[in-house]
PDB file of N, CA and C in Angstrom:
ATOM      1  N   UNK A   1       0.848  -1.180   0.000  1.00  0.00           N
ATOM      2  CA  UNK A   1       0.000   0.000   0.000  1.00  0.00           C
ATOM      3  C   UNK A   1       0.889   1.237   0.000  1.00  0.00           C
ATOM      4  N   UNK A   2       0.765   2.070  -1.011  1.00  0.00           N
ATOM      5  CA  UNK A   2       1.566   3.286  -1.068  1.00  0.00           C
ATOM      6  C   UNK A   2       0.714   4.484  -0.675  1.00  0.00           C
ATOM      7  N   UNK A   3       1.372   5.487  -0.157  1.00  0.00           N
ATOM      8  CA  UNK A   3       0.699   6.695   0.300  1.00  0.00           C
ATOM      9  C   UNK A   3       0.675   7.699  -0.848  1.00  0.00           C
ATOM     10  N   UNK A   4      -0.509   8.248  -1.153  1.00  0.00           N
ATOM     11  CA  UNK A   4      -0.604   9.288  -2.174  1.00  0.00           C
ATOM     12  C   UNK A   4      -0.012  10.564  -1.623  1.00  0.00           C
ATOM     13  N   UNK A   5       0.665  11.310  -2.479  1.00  0.00           N
ATOM     14  CA  UNK A   5       1.267  12.568  -2.051  1.00  0.00           C
ATOM     15  C   UNK A   5       0.675  13.714  -2.847  1.00  0.00           C
ATOM     16  N   UNK A   6       0.595  14.869  -2.216  1.00  0.00           N
ATOM     17  CA  UNK A   6       0.130  16.074  -2.891  1.00  0.00           C
ATOM     18  C   UNK A   6       1.263  17.086  -2.883  1.00  0.00           C
ATOM     19  N   UNK A   7       1.287  17.940  -3.898  1.00  0.00           N
ATOM     20  CA  UNK A   7       2.338  18.940  -4.026  1.00  0.00           C
ATOM     21  C   UNK A   7       1.914  20.237  -3.364  1.00  0.00           C
ATOM     22  N   UNK A   8       2.904  20.951  -2.811  1.00  0.00           N
ATOM     23  CA  UNK A   8       2.682  22.294  -2.288  1.00  0.00           C
ATOM     24  C   UNK A   8       3.395  23.258  -3.228  1.00  0.00           C
ATOM     25  N   UNK A   9       2.640  24.201  -3.791  1.00  0.00           N
ATOM     26  CA  UNK A   9       3.198  25.146  -4.754  1.00  0.00           C
ATOM     27  C   UNK A   9       3.290  26.527  -4.131  1.00  0.00           C
ATOM     28  N   UNK A  10       4.357  27.228  -4.460  1.00  0.00           N
ATOM     29  CA  UNK A  10       4.562  28.595  -3.990  1.00  0.00           C
ATOM     30  C   UNK A  10       3.488  29.496  -4.590  1.00  0.00           C
ATOM     31  N   UNK A  11       2.877  30.331  -3.765  1.00  0.00           N
ATOM     32  CA  UNK A  11       1.815  31.215  -4.253  1.00  0.00           C
ATOM     33  C   UNK A  11       2.380  32.415  -5.008  1.00  0.00           C
ATOM     34  N   UNK A  12       3.702  32.681  -4.889  1.00  0.00           N
ATOM     35  CA  UNK A  12       4.315  33.816  -5.577  1.00  0.00           C
ATOM     36  C   UNK A  12       4.804  33.404  -6.969  1.00  0.00           C
ATOM     37  N   UNK A  13       5.662  32.375  -7.038  1.00  0.00           N
ATOM     38  CA  UNK A  13       6.253  32.003  -8.324  1.00  0.00           C
ATOM     39  C   UNK A  13       5.613  30.772  -8.955  1.00  0.00           C
ATOM     40  N   UNK A  14       4.883  29.960  -8.173  1.00  0.00           N
ATOM     41  CA  UNK A  14       4.184  28.804  -8.721  1.00  0.00           C
ATOM     42  C   UNK A  14       4.967  27.505  -8.757  1.00  0.00           C
ATOM     43  N   UNK A  15       6.236  27.515  -8.337  1.00  0.00           N
ATOM     44  CA  UNK A  15       7.022  26.281  -8.333  1.00  0.00           C
ATOM     45  C   UNK A  15       6.494  25.324  -7.274  1.00  0.00           C
ATOM     46  N   UNK A  16       6.502  24.036  -7.627  1.00  0.00           N
ATOM     47  CA  UNK A  16       6.084  22.994  -6.678  1.00  0.00           C
ATOM     48  C   UNK A  16       7.328  22.516  -5.938  1.00  0.00           C
ATOM     49  N   UNK A  17       7.496  22.992  -4.717  1.00  0.00           N
ATOM     50  CA  UNK A  17       8.724  22.752  -3.967  1.00  0.00           C
ATOM     51  C   UNK A  17       8.629  21.613  -2.962  1.00  0.00           C
ATOM     52  N   UNK A  18       7.450  21.322  -2.446  1.00  0.00           N
ATOM     53  CA  UNK A  18       7.302  20.345  -1.374  1.00  0.00           C
ATOM     54  C   UNK A  18       6.217  19.335  -1.721  1.00  0.00           C
ATOM     55  N   UNK A  19       6.376  18.106  -1.208  1.00  0.00           N
ATOM     56  CA  UNK A  19       5.386  17.046  -1.366  1.00  0.00           C
ATOM     57  C   UNK A  19       5.086  16.485   0.013  1.00  0.00           C
ATOM     58  N   UNK A  20       3.801  16.380   0.348  1.00  0.00           N
ATOM     59  CA  UNK A  20       3.383  15.886   1.654  1.00  0.00           C
ATOM     60  C   UNK A  20       2.362  14.763   1.454  1.00  0.00           C
ATOM     61  N   UNK A  21       2.265  13.836   2.413  1.00  0.00           N
ATOM     62  CA  UNK A  21       1.274  12.761   2.294  1.00  0.00           C
ATOM     63  C   UNK A  21      -0.143  13.325   2.323  1.00  0.00           C
ATOM     64  N   UNK A  22      -1.008  12.729   1.513  1.00  0.00           N
ATOM     65  CA  UNK A  22      -2.396  13.172   1.443  1.00  0.00           C
ATOM     66  C   UNK A  22      -3.163  12.688   2.665  1.00  0.00           C
ATOM     67  N   UNK A  23      -4.003  13.550   3.213  1.00  0.00           N
ATOM     68  CA  UNK A  23      -4.868  13.189   4.317  1.00  0.00           C
ATOM     69  C   UNK A  23      -6.303  13.206   3.788  1.00  0.00           C
ATOM     70  N   UNK A  24      -6.944  12.030   3.626  1.00  0.00           N
ATOM     71  CA  UNK A  24      -8.290  12.001   3.041  1.00  0.00           C
ATOM     72  C   UNK A  24      -9.349  12.671   3.910  1.00  0.00           C
ATOM     73  N   UNK A  25      -9.086  12.859   5.187  1.00  0.00           N
ATOM     74  CA  UNK A  25     -10.054  13.495   6.081  1.00  0.00           C
ATOM     75  C   UNK A  25     -10.018  15.017   6.014  1.00  0.00           C
ATOM     76  N   UNK A  26      -8.994  15.571   5.374  1.00  0.00           N
ATOM     77  CA  UNK A  26      -8.888  17.020   5.251  1.00  0.00           C
ATOM     78  C   UNK A  26      -9.842  17.487   4.156  1.00  0.00           C
ATOM     79  N   UNK A  27     -10.685  18.468   4.462  1.00  0.00           N
ATOM     80  CA  UNK A  27     -11.684  18.923   3.495  1.00  0.00           C
ATOM     81  C   UNK A  27     -11.225  20.167   2.744  1.00  0.00           C
ATOM     82  N   UNK A  28     -10.383  20.993   3.351  1.00  0.00           N
ATOM     83  CA  UNK A  28      -9.888  22.193   2.689  1.00  0.00           C
ATOM     84  C   UNK A  28      -8.448  21.979   2.253  1.00  0.00           C
ATOM     85  N   UNK A  29      -8.018  22.799   1.306  1.00  0.00           N
ATOM     86  CA  UNK A  29      -6.640  22.691   0.833  1.00  0.00           C
ATOM     87  C   UNK A  29      -5.663  23.186   1.894  1.00  0.00           C
ATOM     88  N   UNK A  30      -4.549  22.489   2.002  1.00  0.00           N
ATOM     89  CA  UNK A  30      -3.521  22.804   2.978  1.00  0.00           C
ATOM     90  C   UNK A  30      -2.756  24.060   2.561  1.00  0.00           C
ATOM     91  N   UNK A  31      -2.521  24.968   3.520  1.00  0.00           N
ATOM     92  CA  UNK A  31      -1.747  26.191   3.278  1.00  0.00           C
ATOM     93  C   UNK A  31      -0.699  26.296   4.377  1.00  0.00           C
ATOM     94  N   UNK A  32       0.583  26.349   3.976  1.00  0.00           N
ATOM     95  CA  UNK A  32       1.689  26.437   4.930  1.00  0.00           C
ATOM     96  C   UNK A  32       2.662  27.516   4.499  1.00  0.00           C
ATOM     97  N   UNK A  33       3.351  28.124   5.450  1.00  0.00           N
ATOM     98  CA  UNK A  33       4.439  29.046   5.147  1.00  0.00           C
ATOM     99  C   UNK A  33       5.725  28.235   5.099  1.00  0.00           C
ATOM    100  N   UNK A  34       6.340  28.176   3.913  1.00  0.00           N
ATOM    101  CA  UNK A  34       7.551  27.402   3.704  1.00  0.00           C
ATOM    102  C   UNK A  34       8.563  28.256   2.946  1.00  0.00           C
ATOM    103  N   UNK A  35       9.829  27.844   2.994  1.00  0.00           N
ATOM    104  CA  UNK A  35      10.884  28.542   2.280  1.00  0.00           C
ATOM    105  C   UNK A  35      10.859  28.135   0.810  1.00  0.00           C
ATOM    106  N   UNK A  36      10.896  29.108  -0.081  1.00  0.00           N
ATOM    107  CA  UNK A  36      10.953  28.860  -1.521  1.00  0.00           C
ATOM    108  C   UNK A  36      12.360  29.197  -2.007  1.00  0.00           C
ATOM    109  N   UNK A  37      13.064  28.198  -2.540  1.00  0.00           N
ATOM    110  CA  UNK A  37      14.440  28.444  -2.990  1.00  0.00           C
ATOM    111  C   UNK A  37      14.481  29.289  -4.252  1.00  0.00           C
ATOM    112  N   UNK A  38      13.390  29.373  -4.981  1.00  0.00           N
ATOM    113  CA  UNK A  38      13.343  30.189  -6.195  1.00  0.00           C
ATOM    114  C   UNK A  38      13.106  31.659  -5.873  1.00  0.00           C
ATOM    115  N   UNK A  39      12.261  31.933  -4.876  1.00  0.00           N
ATOM    116  CA  UNK A  39      12.000  33.323  -4.456  1.00  0.00           C
ATOM    117  C   UNK A  39      13.057  33.802  -3.467  1.00  0.00           C
ATOM    118  N   UNK A  40      13.692  32.862  -2.754  1.00  0.00           N
ATOM    119  CA  UNK A  40      14.717  33.213  -1.779  1.00  0.00           C
ATOM    120  C   UNK A  40      14.164  33.726  -0.463  1.00  0.00           C
ATOM    121  N   UNK A  41      12.903  33.402  -0.187  1.00  0.00           N
ATOM    122  CA  UNK A  41      12.296  33.843   1.077  1.00  0.00           C
ATOM    123  C   UNK A  41      11.163  32.901   1.448  1.00  0.00           C
ATOM    124  N   UNK A  42      10.611  33.124   2.622  1.00  0.00           N
ATOM    125  CA  UNK A  42       9.506  32.310   3.105  1.00  0.00           C
ATOM    126  C   UNK A  42       8.200  32.841   2.519  1.00  0.00           C
ATOM    127  N   UNK A  43       7.457  31.970   1.845  1.00  0.00           N
ATOM    128  CA  UNK A  43       6.205  32.374   1.211  1.00  0.00           C
ATOM    129  C   UNK A  43       5.116  31.369   1.549  1.00  0.00           C
ATOM    130  N   UNK A  44       3.894  31.718   1.199  1.00  0.00           N
ATOM    131  CA  UNK A  44       2.758  30.833   1.410  1.00  0.00           C
ATOM    132  C   UNK A  44       2.764  29.762   0.326  1.00  0.00           C
ATOM    133  N   UNK A  45       2.653  28.509   0.727  1.00  0.00           N
ATOM    134  CA  UNK A  45       2.587  27.384  -0.199  1.00  0.00           C
ATOM    135  C   UNK A  45       1.215  26.727  -0.051  1.00  0.00           C
ATOM    136  N   UNK A  46       0.564  26.496  -1.186  1.00  0.00           N
ATOM    137  CA  UNK A  46      -0.777  25.919  -1.185  1.00  0.00           C
ATOM    138  C   UNK A  46      -0.767  24.534  -1.830  1.00  0.00           C
ATOM    139  N   UNK A  47      -1.664  23.685  -1.365  1.00  0.00           N
ATOM    140  CA  UNK A  47      -1.818  22.343  -1.915  1.00  0.00           C
ATOM    141  C   UNK A  47      -2.386  22.431  -3.328  1.00  0.00           C
ATOM    142  N   UNK A  48      -1.783  21.680  -4.251  1.00  0.00           N
ATOM    143  CA  UNK A  48      -2.266  21.631  -5.635  1.00  0.00           C
ATOM    144  C   UNK A  48      -2.906  20.287  -5.905  1.00  0.00           C
ATOM    145  N   UNK A  49      -3.582  20.178  -7.022  1.00  0.00           N
ATOM    146  CA  UNK A  49      -4.201  18.899  -7.380  1.00  0.00           C
ATOM    147  C   UNK A  49      -3.206  17.968  -8.017  1.00  0.00           C
TER     148      UNK A  49
END
């Protein structure tokens, strides 16, 4: 059994920098503040499809 993963994309530049395990019980999209190596700063990262 493998775990499905979802990508977290930077809201500023759009690069998909992080992958996290999917939680089927979560109803809203995940939003985290993470470091973006392309922007060079901490930005909001949102879950993509």
